[in-house]
C-alpha atoms as a PDB file:
ATOM      1  CA  MET A   1    -143.092 -90.594-235.126  1.00  0.00           C
ATOM      2  CA  THR A   2    -146.010 -87.921-234.640  1.00  0.00           C
ATOM      3  CA  ASN A   3    -148.528 -88.314-231.679  1.00  0.00           C
ATOM      4  CA  ASP A   4    -151.486 -89.111-234.415  1.00  0.00           C
ATOM      5  CA  ARG A   5    -149.401 -91.813-236.146  1.00  0.00           C
ATOM      6  CA  PHE A   6    -148.450 -92.826-232.873  1.00  0.00           C
ATOM      7  CA  LEU A   7    -152.014 -93.370-231.577  1.00  0.00           C
ATOM      8  CA  LEU A   8    -153.027 -95.065-234.931  1.00  0.00           C
ATOM      9  CA  ASP A   9    -150.259 -97.452-234.815  1.00  0.00           C
ATOM     10  CA  ARG A  10    -150.979 -98.561-231.159  1.00  0.00           C
ATOM     11  CA  ARG A  11    -155.113 -99.075-232.444  1.00  0.00           C
ATOM     12  CA  TYR A  12    -153.933-100.929-235.488  1.00  0.00           C
ATOM     13  CA  SER A  13    -152.019-103.505-233.384  1.00  0.00           C
ATOM     14  CA  SER A  14    -154.554-103.691-230.680  1.00  0.00           C
ATOM     15  CA  ALA A  15    -157.435-104.527-233.624  1.00  0.00           C
ATOM     16  CA  PHE A  16    -154.659-107.196-235.005  1.00  0.00           C
ATOM     17  CA  GLU A  17    -154.133-108.699-231.385  1.00  0.00           C
ATOM     18  CA  ALA A  18    -158.099-108.717-231.043  1.00  0.00           C
ATOM     19  CA  MET A  19    -158.533-110.521-234.724  1.00  0.00           C
ATOM     20  CA  ASP A  20    -158.133-114.241-234.956  1.00  0.00           C
ATOM     21  CA  ASP A  21    -155.824-115.755-237.588  1.00  0.00           C
ATOM     22  CA  ALA A  22    -159.296-116.985-240.184  1.00  0.00           C
ATOM     23  CA  SER A  23    -159.717-112.906-240.493  1.00  0.00           C
ATOM     24  CA  LEU A  24    -156.339-112.190-240.981  1.00  0.00           C
ATOM     25  CA  ALA A  25    -155.962-114.843-243.775  1.00  0.00           C
ATOM     26  CA  GLY A  26    -159.319-113.488-245.241  1.00  0.00           C
ATOM     27  CA  LEU A  27    -158.536-110.051-245.382  1.00  0.00           C
ATOM     28  CA  ALA A  28    -155.295-110.703-246.646  1.00  0.00           C
ATOM     29  CA  GLY A  29    -156.943-113.375-249.159  1.00  0.00           C
ATOM     30  CA  ALA A  30    -159.274-110.710-250.357  1.00  0.00           C
ATOM     31  CA  LEU A  31    -156.386-108.536-251.716  1.00  0.00           C
ATOM     32  CA  GLU A  32    -155.919-108.571-255.432  1.00  0.00           C
ATOM     33  CA  GLY A  33    -152.582-107.731-258.046  1.00  0.00           C
ATOM     34  CA  ASP A  34    -150.364-105.069-256.706  1.00  0.00           C
ATOM     35  CA  LEU A  35    -151.840-104.543-253.780  1.00  0.00           C
ATOM     36  CA  ARG A  36    -151.439-108.378-252.802  1.00  0.00           C
ATOM     37  CA  ASP A  37    -147.737-108.143-253.998  1.00  0.00           C
ATOM     38  CA  GLY A  38    -146.965-104.968-252.111  1.00  0.00           C
ATOM     39  CA  PHE A  39    -148.784-106.365-249.123  1.00  0.00           C
ATOM     40  CA  ALA A  40    -146.505-109.559-249.547  1.00  0.00           C
ATOM     41  CA  ARG A  41    -143.258-107.759-249.730  1.00  0.00           C
ATOM     42  CA  LEU A  42    -144.547-105.456-246.624  1.00  0.00           C
ATOM     43  CA  VAL A  43    -145.111-108.266-244.183  1.00  0.00           C
ATOM     44  CA  GLY A  44    -142.762-110.160-245.385  1.00  0.00           C
ATOM     45  CA  LEU A  45    -144.346-113.369-246.840  1.00  0.00           C
ATOM     46  CA  PRO A  46    -142.909-116.549-248.953  1.00  0.00           C
ATOM     47  CA  ALA A  47    -144.307-116.599-252.073  1.00  0.00           C
ATOM     48  CA  ALA A  48    -146.581-119.764-251.978  1.00  0.00           C
ATOM     49  CA  ALA A  49    -147.942-118.010-248.414  1.00  0.00           C
ATOM     50  CA  PHE A  50    -151.238-117.222-250.488  1.00  0.00           C
ATOM     51  CA  ASP A  51    -151.380-120.849-251.432  1.00  0.00           C
ATOM     52  CA  ASP A  52    -152.673-121.936-247.804  1.00  0.00           C
ATOM     53  CA  ALA A  53    -155.005-120.383-246.335  1.00  0.00           C
ATOM     54  CA  ALA A  54    -154.619-122.376-243.072  1.00  0.00           C
ATOM     55  CA  THR A  55    -151.216-120.842-242.242  1.00  0.00           C
ATOM     56  CA  LEU A  56    -151.334-116.994-244.149  1.00  0.00           C
ATOM     57  CA  GLY A  57    -153.364-115.619-240.923  1.00  0.00           C
ATOM     58  CA  ALA A  58    -150.104-116.897-238.668  1.00  0.00           C
ATOM     59  CA  LEU A  59    -147.616-115.381-241.263  1.00  0.00           C
ATOM     60  CA  VAL A  60    -149.347-112.203-241.883  1.00  0.00           C
ATOM     61  CA  ARG A  61    -149.439-111.862-238.083  1.00  0.00           C
ATOM     62  CA  THR A  62    -145.819-112.412-237.578  1.00  0.00           C
ATOM     63  CA  GLY A  63    -144.792-110.491-240.432  1.00  0.00           C
ATOM     64  CA  ILE A  64    -146.857-107.635-239.058  1.00  0.00           C
ATOM     65  CA  ALA A  65    -145.375-107.938-235.345  1.00  0.00           C
ATOM     66  CA  ASP A  66    -141.783-108.935-236.814  1.00  0.00           C
ATOM     67  CA  ARG A  67    -141.430-106.141-238.965  1.00  0.00           C
ATOM     68  CA  ARG A  68    -143.411-103.561-237.107  1.00  0.00           C
ATOM     69  CA  VAL A  69    -145.697-102.291-239.917  1.00  0.00           C
ATOM     70  CA  ALA A  70    -149.172-102.525-238.117  1.00  0.00           C
ATOM     71  CA  HIS A  71    -150.358 -99.254-239.464  1.00  0.00           C
ATOM     72  CA  ASP A  72    -149.444 -99.592-243.222  1.00  0.00           C
ATOM     73  CA  ALA A  73    -150.713-103.391-243.072  1.00  0.00           C
ATOM     74  CA  GLY A  74    -154.060-102.007-241.375  1.00  0.00           C
ATOM     75  CA  ILE A  75    -154.221 -99.510-244.436  1.00  0.00           C
ATOM     76  CA  VAL A  76    -153.128-101.979-247.531  1.00  0.00           C
ATOM     77  CA  LEU A  77    -155.711-104.681-245.680  1.00  0.00           C
ATOM     78  CA  ALA A  78    -158.817-102.279-245.610  1.00  0.00           C
ATOM     79  CA  GLU A  79    -157.990-100.686-249.029  1.00  0.00           C
ATOM     80  CA  PRO A  80    -160.854-102.646-250.873  1.00  0.00           C
ATOM     81  CA  CYS A  81    -163.222-101.476-248.355  1.00  0.00           C
ATOM     82  CA  THR A  82    -161.905 -97.888-248.208  1.00  0.00           C
ATOM     83  CA  GLN A  83    -161.932 -97.583-251.894  1.00  0.00           C
ATOM     84  CA  TRP A  84    -165.818 -98.726-251.956  1.00  0.00           C
ATOM     85  CA  ALA A  85    -166.665 -96.620-249.345  1.00  0.00           C
ATOM     86  CA  ILE A  86    -164.859 -93.512-251.298  1.00  0.00           C
ATOM     87  CA  GLU A  87    -167.436 -94.205-254.312  1.00  0.00           C
ATOM     88  CA  LYS A  88    -170.419 -94.969-252.314  1.00  0.00           C
ATOM     89  CA  LEU A  89    -169.693 -91.591-250.392  1.00  0.00           C
ATOM     90  CA  GLY A  90    -169.013 -89.640-253.630  1.00  0.00           C
ATOM     91  CA  GLU A  91    -168.464 -85.910-253.050  1.00  0.00           C
ATOM     92  CA  ALA A  92    -168.989 -86.338-248.996  1.00  0.00           C
ATOM     93  CA  SER A  93    -165.943 -88.735-248.837  1.00  0.00           C
ATOM     94  CA  GLU A  94    -163.323 -85.828-248.036  1.00  0.00           C
ATOM     95  CA  ASN A  95    -165.460 -85.284-245.311  1.00  0.00           C
ATOM     96  CA  PRO A  96    -168.454 -87.355-244.568  1.00  0.00           C
ATOM     97  CA  THR A  97    -170.703 -86.483-241.586  1.00  0.00           C
ATOM     98  CA  LEU A  98    -171.609 -89.712-239.136  1.00  0.00           C
ATOM     99  CA  GLU A  99    -175.049 -89.924-240.255  1.00  0.00           C
ATOM    100  CA  GLN A 100    -173.337 -90.583-243.685  1.00  0.00           C
ATOM    101  CA  ILE A 101    -170.873 -92.821-242.618  1.00  0.00           C
ATOM    102  CA  ARG A 102    -173.564 -94.778-240.788  1.00  0.00           C
ATOM    103  CA  GLU A 103    -176.109 -95.165-244.103  1.00  0.00           C
ATOM    104  CA  ILE A 104    -173.189 -97.205-245.893  1.00  0.00           C
ATOM    105  CA  LEU A 105    -171.995 -98.999-242.684  1.00  0.00           C
ATOM    106  CA  ALA A 106    -174.672-101.808-242.591  1.00  0.00           C
ATOM    107  CA  GLU A 107    -173.682-102.517-246.148  1.00  0.00           C
ATOM    108  CA  ALA A 108    -170.037-102.106-245.956  1.00  0.00           C
ATOM    109  CA  ILE A 109    -169.840-104.829-243.002  1.00  0.00           C
ATOM    110  CA  ASP A 110    -171.433-107.227-245.281  1.00  0.00           C
ATOM    111  CA  SER A 111    -169.741-106.926-248.118  1.00  0.00           C
ATOM    112  CA  TYR A 112    -165.879-106.379-246.324  1.00  0.00           C
ATOM    113  CA  GLY A 113    -166.940-107.718-243.055  1.00  0.00           C
ATOM    114  CA  LEU A 114    -166.195-106.045-239.789  1.00  0.00           C
ATOM    115  CA  GLU A 115    -162.589-106.186-239.463  1.00  0.00           C
ATOM    116  CA  ALA A 116    -161.809-104.384-242.865  1.00  0.00           C
ATOM    117  CA  VAL A 117    -164.128-101.585-241.692  1.00  0.00           C
ATOM    118  CA  ARG A 118    -163.065-101.487-238.434  1.00  0.00           C
ATOM    119  CA  LEU A 119    -159.529-101.016-239.998  1.00  0.00           C
ATOM    120  CA  MET A 120    -160.725 -98.389-242.461  1.00  0.00           C
ATOM    121  CA  VAL A 121    -162.408 -96.432-239.016  1.00  0.00           C
ATOM    122  CA  ILE A 122    -158.670 -96.346-237.327  1.00  0.00           C
ATOM    123  CA  GLN A 123    -157.408 -95.206-240.569  1.00  0.00           C
ATOM    124  CA  TYR A 124    -159.699 -91.907-240.688  1.00  0.00           C
ATOM    125  CA  SER A 125    -160.367 -91.468-237.027  1.00  0.00           C
ATOM    126  CA  ARG A 126    -158.129 -89.027-235.924  1.00  0.00           C
ATOM    127  CA  SER A 127    -158.258 -87.146-239.542  1.00  0.00           C
ATOM    128  CA  LEU A 128    -162.099 -86.844-239.996  1.00  0.00           C
ATOM    129  CA  LYS A 129    -164.741 -85.657-237.622  1.00  0.00           C
ATOM    130  CA  GLY A 130    -167.404 -87.855-239.336  1.00  0.00           C
ATOM    131  CA  PHE A 131    -164.749 -90.874-238.293  1.00  0.00           C
ATOM    132  CA  ARG A 132    -164.173 -89.632-234.310  1.00  0.00           C
ATOM    133  CA  GLN A 133    -167.888 -89.708-233.684  1.00  0.00           C
ATOM    134  CA  LEU A 134    -168.170 -92.809-235.069  1.00  0.00           C
ATOM    135  CA  VAL A 135    -165.509 -94.233-232.668  1.00  0.00           C
ATOM    136  CA  ALA A 136    -166.748 -92.289-230.051  1.00  0.00           C
ATOM    137  CA  THR A 137    -170.264 -93.651-230.017  1.00  0.00           C
ATOM    138  CA  ASP A 138    -170.231 -97.175-231.713  1.00  0.00           C
ATOM    139  CA  GLU A 139    -168.767 -99.750-229.166  1.00  0.00           C
ATOM    140  CA  ARG A 140    -167.820-102.029-232.273  1.00  0.00           C
ATOM    141  CA  PHE A 141    -165.140 -99.368-233.465  1.00  0.00           C
ATOM    142  CA  ALA A 142    -164.118 -97.655-230.112  1.00  0.00           C
ATOM    143  CA  ALA A 143    -160.418 -97.478-228.966  1.00  0.00           C
ATOM    144  CA  PRO A 144    -159.151-100.192-227.175  1.00  0.00           C
ATOM    145  CA  VAL A 145    -158.856 -98.770-223.144  1.00  0.00           C
ATOM    146  CA  ALA A 146    -155.903-100.463-221.383  1.00  0.00           C
ATOM    147  CA  THR A 147    -156.953-102.967-218.811  1.00  0.00           C
ATOM    148  CA  ALA A 148    -155.514-102.100-215.126  1.00  0.00           C
ATOM    149  CA  MET A 149    -153.095-105.007-213.423  1.00  0.00           C
ATOM    150  CA  THR A 150    -155.373-106.597-211.046  1.00  0.00           C
ATOM    151  CA  THR A 151    -152.652-109.153-209.825  1.00  0.00           C
ATOM    152  CA  VAL A 152    -151.587-108.446-206.179  1.00  0.00           C
ATOM    153  CA  LEU A 153    -147.984-109.778-205.385  1.00  0.00           C
ATOM    154  CA  GLU A 154    -148.160-111.681-202.124  1.00  0.00           C
ATOM    155  CA  LYS A 155    -145.162-112.175-200.035  1.00  0.00           C
ATOM    156  CA  ASP A 156    -144.533-114.502-197.673  1.00  0.00           C
ATOM    157  CA  GLU A 157    -142.959-112.783-194.989  1.00  0.00           C
ATOM    158  CA  ALA A 158    -141.712-115.458-193.325  1.00  0.00           C
ATOM    159  CA  GLU A 159    -139.711-116.165-196.300  1.00  0.00           C
ATOM    160  CA  GLN A 160    -138.969-112.425-196.995  1.00  0.00           C
ATOM    161  CA  ALA A 161    -137.046-112.324-193.420  1.00  0.00           C
ATOM    162  CA  ALA A 162    -135.141-115.374-194.230  1.00  0.00           C
ATOM    163  CA  LYS A 163    -133.760-113.264-197.299  1.00  0.00           C
ATOM    164  CA  ARG A 164    -133.229-110.512-195.240  1.00  0.00           C
ATOM    165  CA  GLU A 165    -131.158-112.322-192.604  1.00  0.00           C
ATOM    166  CA  ALA A 166    -129.269-114.039-195.327  1.00  0.00           C
ATOM    167  CA  ARG A 167    -128.391-110.914-196.933  1.00  0.00           C
ATOM    168  CA  LYS A 168    -127.012-109.541-193.634  1.00  0.00           C
ATOM    169  CA  ALA A 169    -125.272-112.432-192.844  1.00  0.00           C
ATOM    170  CA  ARG A 170    -123.461-112.297-196.447  1.00  0.00           C
ATOM    171  CA  LYS A 171    -122.798-108.418-196.037  1.00  0.00           C
ATOM    172  CA  ALA A 172    -121.059-108.773-192.596  1.00  0.00           C
ATOM    173  CA  ALA A 173    -119.002-112.045-194.270  1.00  0.00           C
ATOM    174  CA  GLU A 174    -117.644-109.424-196.871  1.00  0.00           C
ATOM    175  CA  ARG A 175    -117.316-106.870-194.645  1.00  0.00           C
ATOM    176  CA  GLU A 176    -115.151-109.309-192.456  1.00  0.00           C
ATOM    177  CA  LYS A 177    -113.350-110.009-195.602  1.00  0.00           C
ATOM    178  CA  LYS A 178    -112.631-107.163-196.463  1.00  0.00           C
ATOM    179  CA  ALA A 179    -111.189-105.901-193.071  1.00  0.00           C
ATOM    180  CA  LYS A 180    -108.732-109.111-193.204  1.00  0.00           C
ATOM    181  CA  GLN A 181    -107.523-107.998-196.627  1.00  0.00           C
ATOM    182  CA  GLN A 182    -106.896-104.483-195.415  1.00  0.00           C
ATOM    183  CA  ALA A 183    -105.225-105.736-192.014  1.00  0.00           C
ATOM    184  CA  ARG A 184    -102.452-107.826-194.357  1.00  0.00           C
ATOM    185  CA  ARG A 185    -101.548-104.851-196.046  1.00  0.00           C
END
């Protein structure tokens, strides 16, 4: 896996972790035709999965995690938004500037929702300068930062001392037993 693919996979995984099941169900439910069928196969959805919006999000989340397809699922779920953006940007879609992206951003969010736009931005954040700049300047699309662990392990000193003594006694008993066995030989 290339470094770019790894980074994108982590970003997609983080985006899916931050999404609620209703958003996932909405994105999956918005897919049509071959895109819907392909997505269902990709994440392993049962035939009737799209019939119940209440369970669709959880099924999608489970399928993405179990099959480890966050990257591919992110691309497919963003596809309607991506196609719309390509049409809106026209010739500029090959390498849009930050300003050109910002011009269509509000309409894209209104039409497809923030989650779909976020997935689209992730897709192009490593390859197109305008999207890289968007990720760097707009906190809605910023790459997630790992939070440092702040939990401090507290040890009871008396308990630790008791464990050390028990360990010493056990090792002494093992040495004594071994010495007796060797003396018998």
